[in-house]
Amino acid sequence: MQDNRFLPKGAATVRFDSDAPPKKFHFLLLPNTTMLAFSAAIEPLRIANQLTQKPLFEWHALSPDGLPVTCSNGIPIQVDSGLVDLDRNASLFVCAGTEPAQSYDSRVVSWISRQKAHGASVGSICTGAFALAATGVLTRRRFTLHWENAPGFAELFPCLEPTGNFYESDRGLYTCGGGHAATDMMLEIIEKHCGAHLASCVADMCLHKRLGAGMSRQISPVSSMLGCRNQNLIRAVRLMQANLEEPLDMDGIADALAVSRRQLERLFQKYVGKSPWQFYFGLRLERAFSLLNETDLSVREIAMASGFENASYFSRQFKRKFDRSPHSFRRSWSFRSSAT
């Protein structure tokens, strides 16, 4: 008997002839899953069924223990089951959100690996890539995750490099950065299975303008961040972003740009209102803030990863910027996490 939840009614319709069995999607929801990304992935499947009045797709939510999962916004989501074995050729997406490194354990990693070995395709939404990376399936594959969590991911999995694109498709492995990128990813999957016309109609129902091949970058280019298009300034900021763990000196940056140090300083004062050193220093502290949130690295390790050789000096500068020492910040964050 057909489950009516997969075949909702609607006013619009699209003719689509198919007697193929439903394509099954399973979404493993890890603690603190981002609700926006999860719903953005589910809704295109629902709309495709609604428009055609055919059960083209089924979707099922799972959790590690079969209990409701509390999303990052504090709202719980009821799931269909715990970690049951999936049908061969099913599709599994691992969904996560905040605190991704703490959202999975060895049991979850083993279960994902077993489903992959038994024929299921696997992918990730938002920071679900952390759990996939632990299984090894991301090795030598193109993948992405949310840009906010890239620094923490790089510390935990230094041999893996996300592309930073909205979503990626690499030999059956689908990953996306979360948010509305999940809709773009699912529209590509719908197009693959049902054609471009239906995918376009689903996008229109979502009031969603498709990005194309998924190659759009998640974050605005440096020029947008700075509010200018001065190429030397843009190149300088890119050099700084690429060298946070082992910071370059200002003379080295100026030499790389083939400008004088004085010219470099004038550029930053004119467009940023800070000296190059102040801007660079802020980038490093922001990286440290991210690592404190997303990893279990010690404060000393985070200091080193952010370009500070002296942990005491790092702690003082962190407190000056964020009004709390790294140790105090981590204790308060750990308390909030254990209380939820």
C-alpha atoms as a PDB file:
ATOM      1  CA  MET A   1       0.000   0.000   0.000  1.00  0.00           C
ATOM      2  CA  GLN A   2       1.274   3.456  -0.953  1.00  0.00           C
ATOM      3  CA  ASP A   3       2.145   5.717   1.985  1.00  0.00           C
ATOM      4  CA  ASN A   4       0.054   8.866   1.370  1.00  0.00           C
ATOM      5  CA  ARG A   5       2.616  11.100   3.016  1.00  0.00           C
ATOM      6  CA  PHE A   6       4.750  10.675  -0.123  1.00  0.00           C
ATOM      7  CA  LEU A   7       1.926  11.745  -2.443  1.00  0.00           C
ATOM      8  CA  PRO A   8       0.492  15.091  -1.267  1.00  0.00           C
ATOM      9  CA  LYS A   9      -2.131  16.995  -3.235  1.00  0.00           C
ATOM     10  CA  GLY A  10      -1.552  20.353  -4.911  1.00  0.00           C
ATOM     11  CA  ALA A  11      -3.085  22.755  -7.416  1.00  0.00           C
ATOM     12  CA  ALA A  12      -0.301  22.643 -10.034  1.00  0.00           C
ATOM     13  CA  THR A  13       0.408  19.574 -12.134  1.00  0.00           C
ATOM     14  CA  VAL A  14       3.077  18.289 -14.518  1.00  0.00           C
ATOM     15  CA  ARG A  15       2.589  15.314 -16.835  1.00  0.00           C
ATOM     16  CA  PHE A  16       5.255  12.703 -16.233  1.00  0.00           C
ATOM     17  CA  ASP A  17       4.990   9.120 -17.431  1.00  0.00           C
ATOM     18  CA  SER A  18       6.857   6.640 -15.282  1.00  0.00           C
ATOM     19  CA  ASP A  19       6.126   3.304 -13.646  1.00  0.00           C
ATOM     20  CA  ALA A  20       9.545   3.006 -12.015  1.00  0.00           C
ATOM     21  CA  PRO A  21       9.620   2.143  -8.306  1.00  0.00           C
ATOM     22  CA  PRO A  22      10.229   5.071  -5.934  1.00  0.00           C
ATOM     23  CA  LYS A  23      13.812   6.233  -5.417  1.00  0.00           C
ATOM     24  CA  LYS A  24      14.446   6.007  -1.677  1.00  0.00           C
ATOM     25  CA  PHE A  25      16.373   8.655   0.252  1.00  0.00           C
ATOM     26  CA  HIS A  26      17.418   8.255   3.869  1.00  0.00           C
ATOM     27  CA  PHE A  27      18.565  11.212   5.946  1.00  0.00           C
ATOM     28  CA  LEU A  28      20.662  10.464   9.018  1.00  0.00           C
ATOM     29  CA  LEU A  29      20.071  13.407  11.352  1.00  0.00           C
ATOM     30  CA  LEU A  30      22.920  13.984  13.764  1.00  0.00           C
ATOM     31  CA  PRO A  31      22.617  16.195  16.876  1.00  0.00           C
ATOM     32  CA  ASN A  32      22.330  19.929  16.098  1.00  0.00           C
ATOM     33  CA  THR A  33      21.345  19.284  12.486  1.00  0.00           C
ATOM     34  CA  THR A  34      20.547  22.497  10.631  1.00  0.00           C
ATOM     35  CA  MET A  35      16.794  22.488   9.979  1.00  0.00           C
ATOM     36  CA  LEU A  36      17.064  24.860   7.005  1.00  0.00           C
ATOM     37  CA  ALA A  37      19.396  22.523   5.121  1.00  0.00           C
ATOM     38  CA  PHE A  38      17.386  19.390   5.953  1.00  0.00           C
ATOM     39  CA  SER A  39      14.055  20.867   4.858  1.00  0.00           C
ATOM     40  CA  ALA A  40      15.675  22.389   1.743  1.00  0.00           C
ATOM     41  CA  ALA A  41      16.660  18.859   0.709  1.00  0.00           C
ATOM     42  CA  ILE A  42      13.308  17.217   1.515  1.00  0.00           C
ATOM     43  CA  GLU A  43      10.936  19.714  -0.080  1.00  0.00           C
ATOM     44  CA  PRO A  44      12.059  19.295  -3.722  1.00  0.00           C
ATOM     45  CA  LEU A  45      11.347  15.556  -3.433  1.00  0.00           C
ATOM     46  CA  ARG A  46       7.905  16.239  -1.989  1.00  0.00           C
ATOM     47  CA  ILE A  47       7.114  18.792  -4.699  1.00  0.00           C
ATOM     48  CA  ALA A  48       8.226  16.432  -7.492  1.00  0.00           C
ATOM     49  CA  ASN A  49       5.741  13.823  -6.237  1.00  0.00           C
ATOM     50  CA  GLN A  50       3.026  16.434  -5.762  1.00  0.00           C
ATOM     51  CA  LEU A  51       3.390  17.894  -9.261  1.00  0.00           C
ATOM     52  CA  THR A  52       3.345  14.520 -11.031  1.00  0.00           C
ATOM     53  CA  GLN A  53       0.985  12.749  -8.620  1.00  0.00           C
ATOM     54  CA  LYS A  54       3.407   9.836  -8.790  1.00  0.00           C
ATOM     55  CA  PRO A  55       5.495   8.348  -5.967  1.00  0.00           C
ATOM     56  CA  LEU A  56       8.796   9.145  -7.647  1.00  0.00           C
ATOM     57  CA  PHE A  57      10.653   9.556  -4.357  1.00  0.00           C
ATOM     58  CA  GLU A  58      10.420   8.409  -0.759  1.00  0.00           C
ATOM     59  CA  TRP A  59      12.244   9.980   2.157  1.00  0.00           C
ATOM     60  CA  HIS A  60      12.949   8.658   5.628  1.00  0.00           C
ATOM     61  CA  ALA A  61      14.613  10.289   8.627  1.00  0.00           C
ATOM     62  CA  LEU A  62      16.929   8.322  10.921  1.00  0.00           C
ATOM     63  CA  SER A  63      18.835   9.136  14.078  1.00  0.00           C
ATOM     64  CA  PRO A  64      21.649   7.290  15.870  1.00  0.00           C
ATOM     65  CA  ASP A  65      19.307   6.084  18.626  1.00  0.00           C
ATOM     66  CA  GLY A  66      15.899   6.282  16.929  1.00  0.00           C
ATOM     67  CA  LEU A  67      14.876   9.189  19.158  1.00  0.00           C
ATOM     68  CA  PRO A  68      13.928  12.692  17.995  1.00  0.00           C
ATOM     69  CA  VAL A  69      16.861  14.900  17.032  1.00  0.00           C
ATOM     70  CA  THR A  70      17.093  18.432  18.355  1.00  0.00           C
ATOM     71  CA  CYS A  71      18.134  20.805  15.575  1.00  0.00           C
ATOM     72  CA  SER A  72      20.519  23.693  15.973  1.00  0.00           C
ATOM     73  CA  ASN A  73      17.519  26.011  16.421  1.00  0.00           C
ATOM     74  CA  GLY A  74      16.273  23.965  19.383  1.00  0.00           C
ATOM     75  CA  ILE A  75      13.324  22.358  17.575  1.00  0.00           C
ATOM     76  CA  PRO A  76      13.112  18.527  17.731  1.00  0.00           C
ATOM     77  CA  ILE A  77      12.431  16.413  14.642  1.00  0.00           C
ATOM     78  CA  GLN A  78      10.704  13.044  14.896  1.00  0.00           C
ATOM     79  CA  VAL A  79      12.488  10.267  12.976  1.00  0.00           C
ATOM     80  CA  ASP A  80      11.331   7.032  11.387  1.00  0.00           C
ATOM     81  CA  SER A  81      13.937   4.711  12.889  1.00  0.00           C
ATOM     82  CA  GLY A  82      17.369   4.237  14.308  1.00  0.00           C
ATOM     83  CA  LEU A  83      20.370   2.798  12.469  1.00  0.00           C
ATOM     84  CA  VAL A  84      18.665   0.064  10.462  1.00  0.00           C
ATOM     85  CA  ASP A  85      20.258  -1.515   7.400  1.00  0.00           C
ATOM     86  CA  LEU A  86      19.145   0.158   4.173  1.00  0.00           C
ATOM     87  CA  ASP A  87      18.045  -1.348   0.886  1.00  0.00           C
ATOM     88  CA  ARG A  88      20.691  -1.855  -1.739  1.00  0.00           C
ATOM     89  CA  ASN A  89      20.832   1.141  -4.095  1.00  0.00           C
ATOM     90  CA  ALA A  90      19.205   3.449  -1.539  1.00  0.00           C
ATOM     91  CA  SER A  91      20.664   6.939  -1.082  1.00  0.00           C
ATOM     92  CA  LEU A  92      21.911   8.065   2.324  1.00  0.00           C
ATOM     93  CA  PHE A  93      22.605  11.669   3.279  1.00  0.00           C
ATOM     94  CA  VAL A  94      24.322  12.473   6.575  1.00  0.00           C
ATOM     95  CA  CYS A  95      22.990  15.742   7.971  1.00  0.00           C
ATOM     96  CA  ALA A  96      24.682  17.782  10.680  1.00  0.00           C
ATOM     97  CA  GLY A  97      25.060  21.397  11.762  1.00  0.00           C
ATOM     98  CA  THR A  98      26.804  23.049  14.673  1.00  0.00           C
ATOM     99  CA  GLU A  99      29.507  21.224  16.663  1.00  0.00           C
ATOM    100  CA  PRO A 100      29.970  18.643  13.894  1.00  0.00           C
ATOM    101  CA  ALA A 101      33.059  16.998  15.390  1.00  0.00           C
ATOM    102  CA  GLN A 102      31.012  16.023  18.461  1.00  0.00           C
ATOM    103  CA  SER A 103      27.913  14.892  16.527  1.00  0.00           C
ATOM    104  CA  TYR A 104      29.017  11.363  15.629  1.00  0.00           C
ATOM    105  CA  ASP A 105      30.821   8.416  17.220  1.00  0.00           C
ATOM    106  CA  SER A 106      32.463   5.174  16.114  1.00  0.00           C
ATOM    107  CA  ARG A 107      29.088   3.400  15.961  1.00  0.00           C
ATOM    108  CA  VAL A 108      27.742   5.958  13.469  1.00  0.00           C
ATOM    109  CA  VAL A 109      30.931   5.768  11.407  1.00  0.00           C
ATOM    110  CA  SER A 110      30.753   1.963  11.285  1.00  0.00           C
ATOM    111  CA  TRP A 111      27.086   2.043  10.281  1.00  0.00           C
ATOM    112  CA  ILE A 112      27.720   4.498   7.426  1.00  0.00           C
ATOM    113  CA  SER A 113      30.613   2.355   6.194  1.00  0.00           C
ATOM    114  CA  ARG A 114      28.433  -0.770   6.281  1.00  0.00           C
ATOM    115  CA  GLN A 115      25.668   0.862   4.240  1.00  0.00           C
ATOM    116  CA  LYS A 116      28.215   1.994   1.658  1.00  0.00           C
ATOM    117  CA  ALA A 117      29.702  -1.507   1.468  1.00  0.00           C
ATOM    118  CA  HIS A 118      26.227  -3.013   0.958  1.00  0.00           C
ATOM    119  CA  GLY A 119      25.475  -0.830  -2.074  1.00  0.00           C
ATOM    120  CA  ALA A 120      23.927   2.376  -0.758  1.00  0.00           C
ATOM    121  CA  SER A 121      25.207   5.660  -2.133  1.00  0.00           C
ATOM    122  CA  VAL A 122      26.286   8.146   0.534  1.00  0.00           C
ATOM    123  CA  GLY A 123      26.438  11.922   0.663  1.00  0.00           C
ATOM    124  CA  SER A 124      26.324  14.756   3.136  1.00  0.00           C
ATOM    125  CA  ILE A 125      24.468  17.967   3.870  1.00  0.00           C
ATOM    126  CA  CYS A 126      26.076  20.925   5.634  1.00  0.00           C
ATOM    127  CA  THR A 127      28.642  19.518   8.102  1.00  0.00           C
ATOM    128  CA  GLY A 128      27.689  15.869   7.623  1.00  0.00           C
ATOM    129  CA  ALA A 129      30.983  15.750   5.712  1.00  0.00           C
ATOM    130  CA  PHE A 130      32.791  15.396   9.067  1.00  0.00           C
ATOM    131  CA  ALA A 131      31.232  11.961   9.625  1.00  0.00           C
ATOM    132  CA  LEU A 132      31.822  10.963   5.999  1.00  0.00           C
ATOM    133  CA  ALA A 133      35.469  11.984   6.284  1.00  0.00           C
ATOM    134  CA  ALA A 134      35.835   9.678   9.292  1.00  0.00           C
ATOM    135  CA  THR A 135      34.669   6.753   7.135  1.00  0.00           C
ATOM    136  CA  GLY A 136      37.275   7.467   4.457  1.00  0.00           C
ATOM    137  CA  VAL A 137      34.786   7.862   1.592  1.00  0.00           C
ATOM    138  CA  LEU A 138      35.910  11.436   0.843  1.00  0.00           C
ATOM    139  CA  THR A 139      39.467  10.420   0.002  1.00  0.00           C
ATOM    140  CA  ARG A 140      40.376  11.478  -3.552  1.00  0.00           C
ATOM    141  CA  ARG A 141      36.854  12.806  -4.148  1.00  0.00           C
ATOM    142  CA  ARG A 142      35.490  16.304  -4.740  1.00  0.00           C
ATOM    143  CA  PHE A 143      33.277  17.390  -1.850  1.00  0.00           C
ATOM    144  CA  THR A 144      32.137  20.439   0.046  1.00  0.00           C
ATOM    145  CA  LEU A 145      30.737  21.538   3.401  1.00  0.00           C
ATOM    146  CA  HIS A 146      29.663  24.812   4.984  1.00  0.00           C
ATOM    147  CA  TRP A 147      32.405  27.447   4.752  1.00  0.00           C
ATOM    148  CA  GLU A 148      32.084  28.349   8.461  1.00  0.00           C
ATOM    149  CA  ASN A 149      33.283  24.888   9.464  1.00  0.00           C
ATOM    150  CA  ALA A 150      36.144  24.568   6.973  1.00  0.00           C
ATOM    151  CA  PRO A 151      38.911  25.628   9.437  1.00  0.00           C
ATOM    152  CA  GLY A 152      37.913  23.017  12.000  1.00  0.00           C
ATOM    153  CA  PHE A 153      37.577  20.374   9.299  1.00  0.00           C
ATOM    154  CA  ALA A 154      41.080  21.182   8.021  1.00  0.00           C
ATOM    155  CA  GLU A 155      42.575  20.626  11.474  1.00  0.00           C
ATOM    156  CA  LEU A 156      40.855  17.265  11.928  1.00  0.00           C
ATOM    157  CA  PHE A 157      41.322  16.021   8.354  1.00  0.00           C
ATOM    158  CA  PRO A 158      44.411  17.817   6.980  1.00  0.00           C
ATOM    159  CA  CYS A 159      44.647  15.559   3.922  1.00  0.00           C
ATOM    160  CA  LEU A 160      41.129  16.427   2.717  1.00  0.00           C
ATOM    161  CA  GLU A 161      40.263  19.749   1.091  1.00  0.00           C
ATOM    162  CA  PRO A 162      36.649  20.849   0.457  1.00  0.00           C
ATOM    163  CA  THR A 163      36.069  22.852  -2.703  1.00  0.00           C
ATOM    164  CA  GLY A 164      34.048  25.632  -1.084  1.00  0.00           C
ATOM    165  CA  ASN A 165      31.362  25.341  -3.780  1.00  0.00           C
ATOM    166  CA  PHE A 166      27.627  25.255  -3.097  1.00  0.00           C
ATOM    167  CA  TYR A 167      27.437  21.558  -3.865  1.00  0.00           C
ATOM    168  CA  GLU A 168      29.477  18.827  -5.529  1.00  0.00           C
ATOM    169  CA  SER A 169      28.727  15.671  -7.474  1.00  0.00           C
ATOM    170  CA  ASP A 170      31.603  13.252  -7.908  1.00  0.00           C
ATOM    171  CA  ARG A 171      30.917   9.730  -9.187  1.00  0.00           C
ATOM    172  CA  GLY A 172      27.692   9.354  -7.239  1.00  0.00           C
ATOM    173  CA  LEU A 173      28.907  11.195  -4.142  1.00  0.00           C
ATOM    174  CA  TYR A 174      26.723  14.258  -3.526  1.00  0.00           C
ATOM    175  CA  THR A 175      27.673  16.837  -0.903  1.00  0.00           C
ATOM    176  CA  CYS A 176      26.478  20.374  -0.254  1.00  0.00           C
ATOM    177  CA  GLY A 177      27.308  23.274   2.019  1.00  0.00           C
ATOM    178  CA  GLY A 178      23.859  23.372   3.602  1.00  0.00           C
ATOM    179  CA  GLY A 179      21.213  26.081   3.514  1.00  0.00           C
ATOM    180  CA  HIS A 180      19.586  26.559   0.122  1.00  0.00           C
ATOM    181  CA  ALA A 181      22.486  24.742  -1.529  1.00  0.00           C
ATOM    182  CA  ALA A 182      20.660  21.557  -0.495  1.00  0.00           C
ATOM    183  CA  THR A 183      17.822  22.536  -2.832  1.00  0.00           C
ATOM    184  CA  ASP A 184      20.230  23.030  -5.730  1.00  0.00           C
ATOM    185  CA  MET A 185      21.779  19.643  -5.071  1.00  0.00           C
ATOM    186  CA  MET A 186      18.415  17.864  -4.937  1.00  0.00           C
ATOM    187  CA  LEU A 187      17.253  19.617  -8.114  1.00  0.00           C
ATOM    188  CA  GLU A 188      20.267  18.179  -9.914  1.00  0.00           C
ATOM    189  CA  ILE A 189      19.370  14.729  -8.589  1.00  0.00           C
ATOM    190  CA  ILE A 190      15.752  15.165  -9.740  1.00  0.00           C
ATOM    191  CA  GLU A 191      16.996  16.228 -13.174  1.00  0.00           C
ATOM    192  CA  LYS A 192      19.235  13.162 -13.347  1.00  0.00           C
ATOM    193  CA  HIS A 193      16.357  10.787 -12.552  1.00  0.00           C
ATOM    194  CA  CYS A 194      13.387  12.590 -14.111  1.00  0.00           C
ATOM    195  CA  GLY A 195      14.671  15.115 -16.618  1.00  0.00           C
ATOM    196  CA  ALA A 196      15.297  18.840 -16.856  1.00  0.00           C
ATOM    197  CA  HIS A 197      11.653  19.836 -17.354  1.00  0.00           C
ATOM    198  CA  LEU A 198      10.449  18.391 -14.062  1.00  0.00           C
ATOM    199  CA  ALA A 199      13.483  19.785 -12.219  1.00  0.00           C
ATOM    200  CA  SER A 200      12.700  23.234 -13.633  1.00  0.00           C
ATOM    201  CA  CYS A 201       9.066  22.970 -12.563  1.00  0.00           C
ATOM    202  CA  VAL A 202      10.099  21.927  -9.045  1.00  0.00           C
ATOM    203  CA  ALA A 203      12.471  24.912  -8.862  1.00  0.00           C
ATOM    204  CA  ASP A 204       9.620  27.226  -9.858  1.00  0.00           C
ATOM    205  CA  MET A 205       7.412  25.761  -7.119  1.00  0.00           C
ATOM    206  CA  CYS A 206      10.219  26.409  -4.628  1.00  0.00           C
ATOM    207  CA  LEU A 207      10.503  30.000  -5.924  1.00  0.00           C
ATOM    208  CA  HIS A 208      14.129  29.080  -6.369  1.00  0.00           C
ATOM    209  CA  LYS A 209      16.531  30.328  -9.029  1.00  0.00           C
ATOM    210  CA  ARG A 210      18.932  27.506  -9.892  1.00  0.00           C
ATOM    211  CA  LEU A 211      22.638  28.237  -9.742  1.00  0.00           C
ATOM    212  CA  GLY A 212      23.613  25.888 -12.532  1.00  0.00           C
ATOM    213  CA  ALA A 213      26.370  23.334 -12.244  1.00  0.00           C
ATOM    214  CA  GLY A 214      26.970  23.856  -8.545  1.00  0.00           C
ATOM    215  CA  MET A 215      30.269  25.581  -9.145  1.00  0.00           C
ATOM    216  CA  SER A 216      29.211  28.863  -7.517  1.00  0.00           C
ATOM    217  CA  ARG A 217      31.237  29.687  -4.455  1.00  0.00           C
ATOM    218  CA  GLN A 218      29.536  29.715  -1.067  1.00  0.00           C
ATOM    219  CA  ILE A 219      30.944  33.018   0.144  1.00  0.00           C
ATOM    220  CA  SER A 220      31.277  36.326  -1.609  1.00  0.00           C
ATOM    221  CA  PRO A 221      34.583  37.039  -3.320  1.00  0.00           C
ATOM    222  CA  VAL A 222      37.181  39.076  -1.452  1.00  0.00           C
ATOM    223  CA  SER A 223      36.248  42.114  -3.529  1.00  0.00           C
ATOM    224  CA  SER A 224      32.719  42.062  -2.072  1.00  0.00           C
ATOM    225  CA  MET A 225      33.997  41.601   1.462  1.00  0.00           C
ATOM    226  CA  LEU A 226      36.321  44.591   1.113  1.00  0.00           C
ATOM    227  CA  GLY A 227      33.943  46.718  -0.895  1.00  0.00           C
ATOM    228  CA  CYS A 228      36.522  47.432  -3.572  1.00  0.00           C
ATOM    229  CA  ARG A 229      38.169  45.838  -6.581  1.00  0.00           C
ATOM    230  CA  ASN A 230      41.757  46.923  -6.060  1.00  0.00           C
ATOM    231  CA  GLN A 231      43.665  43.875  -7.265  1.00  0.00           C
ATOM    232  CA  ASN A 232      46.700  44.394  -5.026  1.00  0.00           C
ATOM    233  CA  LEU A 233      44.497  44.614  -1.937  1.00  0.00           C
ATOM    234  CA  ILE A 234      42.530  41.522  -2.978  1.00  0.00           C
ATOM    235  CA  ARG A 235      45.742  39.559  -3.594  1.00  0.00           C
ATOM    236  CA  ALA A 236      47.127  40.671  -0.223  1.00  0.00           C
ATOM    237  CA  VAL A 237      44.037  39.448   1.644  1.00  0.00           C
ATOM    238  CA  ARG A 238      44.111  36.137  -0.216  1.00  0.00           C
ATOM    239  CA  LEU A 239      47.756  35.675   0.788  1.00  0.00           C
ATOM    240  CA  MET A 240      46.830  36.345   4.408  1.00  0.00           C
ATOM    241  CA  GLN A 241      43.903  33.917   4.321  1.00  0.00           C
ATOM    242  CA  ALA A 242      46.153  31.210   2.864  1.00  0.00           C
ATOM    243  CA  ASN A 243      48.888  31.726   5.474  1.00  0.00           C
ATOM    244  CA  LEU A 244      47.263  31.857   8.908  1.00  0.00           C
ATOM    245  CA  GLU A 245      49.204  29.073  10.610  1.00  0.00           C
ATOM    246  CA  GLU A 246      52.575  30.453   9.493  1.00  0.00           C
ATOM    247  CA  PRO A 247      51.940  34.174   9.015  1.00  0.00           C
ATOM    248  CA  LEU A 248      53.886  36.115   6.422  1.00  0.00           C
ATOM    249  CA  ASP A 249      55.603  39.353   7.405  1.00  0.00           C
ATOM    250  CA  MET A 250      54.484  42.574   5.782  1.00  0.00           C
ATOM    251  CA  ASP A 251      57.669  42.880   3.724  1.00  0.00           C
ATOM    252  CA  GLY A 252      57.076  39.376   2.347  1.00  0.00           C
ATOM    253  CA  ILE A 253      53.506  40.240   1.343  1.00  0.00           C
ATOM    254  CA  ALA A 254      54.654  43.487  -0.278  1.00  0.00           C
ATOM    255  CA  ASP A 255      57.384  41.647  -2.198  1.00  0.00           C
ATOM    256  CA  ALA A 256      54.880  39.043  -3.418  1.00  0.00           C
ATOM    257  CA  LEU A 257      52.709  41.859  -4.770  1.00  0.00           C
ATOM    258  CA  ALA A 258      55.670  43.760  -6.232  1.00  0.00           C
ATOM    259  CA  VAL A 259      54.728  46.900  -4.282  1.00  0.00           C
ATOM    260  CA  SER A 260      56.467  48.772  -1.489  1.00  0.00           C
ATOM    261  CA  ARG A 261      55.504  48.184   2.110  1.00  0.00           C
ATOM    262  CA  ARG A 262      54.374  51.812   2.282  1.00  0.00           C
ATOM    263  CA  GLN A 263      52.037  51.276  -0.687  1.00  0.00           C
ATOM    264  CA  LEU A 264      50.603  48.203   1.017  1.00  0.00           C
ATOM    265  CA  GLU A 265      49.938  50.163   4.203  1.00  0.00           C
ATOM    266  CA  ARG A 266      48.236  52.975   2.277  1.00  0.00           C
ATOM    267  CA  LEU A 267      45.958  50.458   0.512  1.00  0.00           C
ATOM    268  CA  PHE A 268      44.720  48.964   3.770  1.00  0.00           C
ATOM    269  CA  GLN A 269      44.232  52.337   5.428  1.00  0.00           C
ATOM    270  CA  LYS A 270      42.279  53.644   2.441  1.00  0.00           C
ATOM    271  CA  TYR A 271      39.944  50.692   1.899  1.00  0.00           C
ATOM    272  CA  VAL A 272      39.872  48.854   5.234  1.00  0.00           C
ATOM    273  CA  GLY A 273      40.691  51.542   7.799  1.00  0.00           C
ATOM    274  CA  LYS A 274      43.304  49.321   9.424  1.00  0.00           C
ATOM    275  CA  SER A 275      46.965  48.577   8.984  1.00  0.00           C
ATOM    276  CA  PRO A 276      47.809  45.340   7.151  1.00  0.00           C
ATOM    277  CA  TRP A 277      49.104  43.902  10.407  1.00  0.00           C
ATOM    278  CA  GLN A 278      45.867  44.710  12.275  1.00  0.00           C
ATOM    279  CA  PHE A 279      43.743  43.150   9.540  1.00  0.00           C
ATOM    280  CA  TYR A 280      45.918  40.022   9.402  1.00  0.00           C
ATOM    281  CA  PHE A 281      45.894  39.725  13.184  1.00  0.00           C
ATOM    282  CA  GLY A 282      42.088  39.836  13.176  1.00  0.00           C
ATOM    283  CA  LEU A 283      41.900  37.026  10.614  1.00  0.00           C
ATOM    284  CA  ARG A 284      44.070  34.832  12.819  1.00  0.00           C
ATOM    285  CA  LEU A 285      41.959  35.477  15.930  1.00  0.00           C
ATOM    286  CA  GLU A 286      38.784  34.704  13.963  1.00  0.00           C
ATOM    287  CA  ARG A 287      40.332  31.393  12.928  1.00  0.00           C
ATOM    288  CA  ALA A 288      41.086  30.641  16.583  1.00  0.00           C
ATOM    289  CA  PHE A 289      37.475  31.434  17.510  1.00  0.00           C
ATOM    290  CA  SER A 290      36.285  28.970  14.874  1.00  0.00           C
ATOM    291  CA  LEU A 291      38.613  26.219  16.084  1.00  0.00           C
ATOM    292  CA  LEU A 292      37.508  26.681  19.691  1.00  0.00           C
ATOM    293  CA  ASN A 293      33.918  26.136  18.573  1.00  0.00           C
ATOM    294  CA  GLU A 294      34.435  23.278  16.146  1.00  0.00           C
ATOM    295  CA  THR A 295      37.278  21.122  17.483  1.00  0.00           C
ATOM    296  CA  ASP A 296      38.582  19.532  20.665  1.00  0.00           C
ATOM    297  CA  LEU A 297      42.091  20.862  20.056  1.00  0.00           C
ATOM    298  CA  SER A 298      43.829  22.245  23.130  1.00  0.00           C
ATOM    299  CA  VAL A 299      44.197  25.995  23.513  1.00  0.00           C
ATOM    300  CA  ARG A 300      47.901  25.650  22.797  1.00  0.00           C
ATOM    301  CA  GLU A 301      47.215  23.675  19.608  1.00  0.00           C
ATOM    302  CA  ILE A 302      44.682  26.283  18.512  1.00  0.00           C
ATOM    303  CA  ALA A 303      47.189  29.045  19.195  1.00  0.00           C
ATOM    304  CA  MET A 304      49.755  27.303  16.988  1.00  0.00           C
ATOM    305  CA  ALA A 305      47.201  26.656  14.243  1.00  0.00           C
ATOM    306  CA  SER A 306      46.355  30.359  14.251  1.00  0.00           C
ATOM    307  CA  GLY A 307      49.958  31.527  13.990  1.00  0.00           C
ATOM    308  CA  PHE A 308      50.686  32.242  17.667  1.00  0.00           C
ATOM    309  CA  GLU A 309      53.796  30.590  19.071  1.00  0.00           C
ATOM    310  CA  ASN A 310      53.136  31.860  22.596  1.00  0.00           C
ATOM    311  CA  ALA A 311      49.895  30.508  24.088  1.00  0.00           C
ATOM    312  CA  SER A 312      49.836  33.089  26.880  1.00  0.00           C
ATOM    313  CA  TYR A 313      50.118  35.961  24.411  1.00  0.00           C
ATOM    314  CA  PHE A 314      47.402  34.365  22.289  1.00  0.00           C
ATOM    315  CA  SER A 315      45.074  34.076  25.300  1.00  0.00           C
ATOM    316  CA  ARG A 316      45.549  37.744  26.185  1.00  0.00           C
ATOM    317  CA  GLN A 317      44.830  38.888  22.630  1.00  0.00           C
ATOM    318  CA  PHE A 318      41.820  36.580  22.339  1.00  0.00           C
ATOM    319  CA  LYS A 319      40.362  38.013  25.542  1.00  0.00           C
ATOM    320  CA  ARG A 320      40.961  41.548  24.315  1.00  0.00           C
ATOM    321  CA  LYS A 321      38.971  40.870  21.140  1.00  0.00           C
ATOM    322  CA  PHE A 322      36.216  38.594  22.456  1.00  0.00           C
ATOM    323  CA  ASP A 323      35.988  39.728  26.124  1.00  0.00           C
ATOM    324  CA  ARG A 324      36.662  36.211  27.350  1.00  0.00           C
ATOM    325  CA  SER A 325      39.733  34.010  27.590  1.00  0.00           C
ATOM    326  CA  PRO A 326      39.895  30.900  25.390  1.00  0.00           C
ATOM    327  CA  HIS A 327      39.631  28.637  28.447  1.00  0.00           C
ATOM    328  CA  SER A 328      36.631  30.543  29.818  1.00  0.00           C
ATOM    329  CA  PHE A 329      34.962  30.558  26.400  1.00  0.00           C
ATOM    330  CA  ARG A 330      35.392  26.798  25.991  1.00  0.00           C
ATOM    331  CA  ARG A 331      34.096  26.057  29.509  1.00  0.00           C
ATOM    332  CA  SER A 332      30.948  28.090  28.911  1.00  0.00           C
ATOM    333  CA  TRP A 333      30.417  26.440  25.511  1.00  0.00           C
ATOM    334  CA  SER A 334      30.886  22.965  26.989  1.00  0.00           C
ATOM    335  CA  PHE A 335      28.368  23.755  29.707  1.00  0.00           C
ATOM    336  CA  ARG A 336      25.753  24.908  27.177  1.00  0.00           C
ATOM    337  CA  SER A 337      26.325  21.788  25.066  1.00  0.00           C
ATOM    338  CA  SER A 338      25.930  19.402  28.008  1.00  0.00           C
ATOM    339  CA  ALA A 339      22.788  21.212  29.147  1.00  0.00           C
ATOM    340  CA  THR A 340      20.990  20.695  25.820  1.00  0.00           C
END
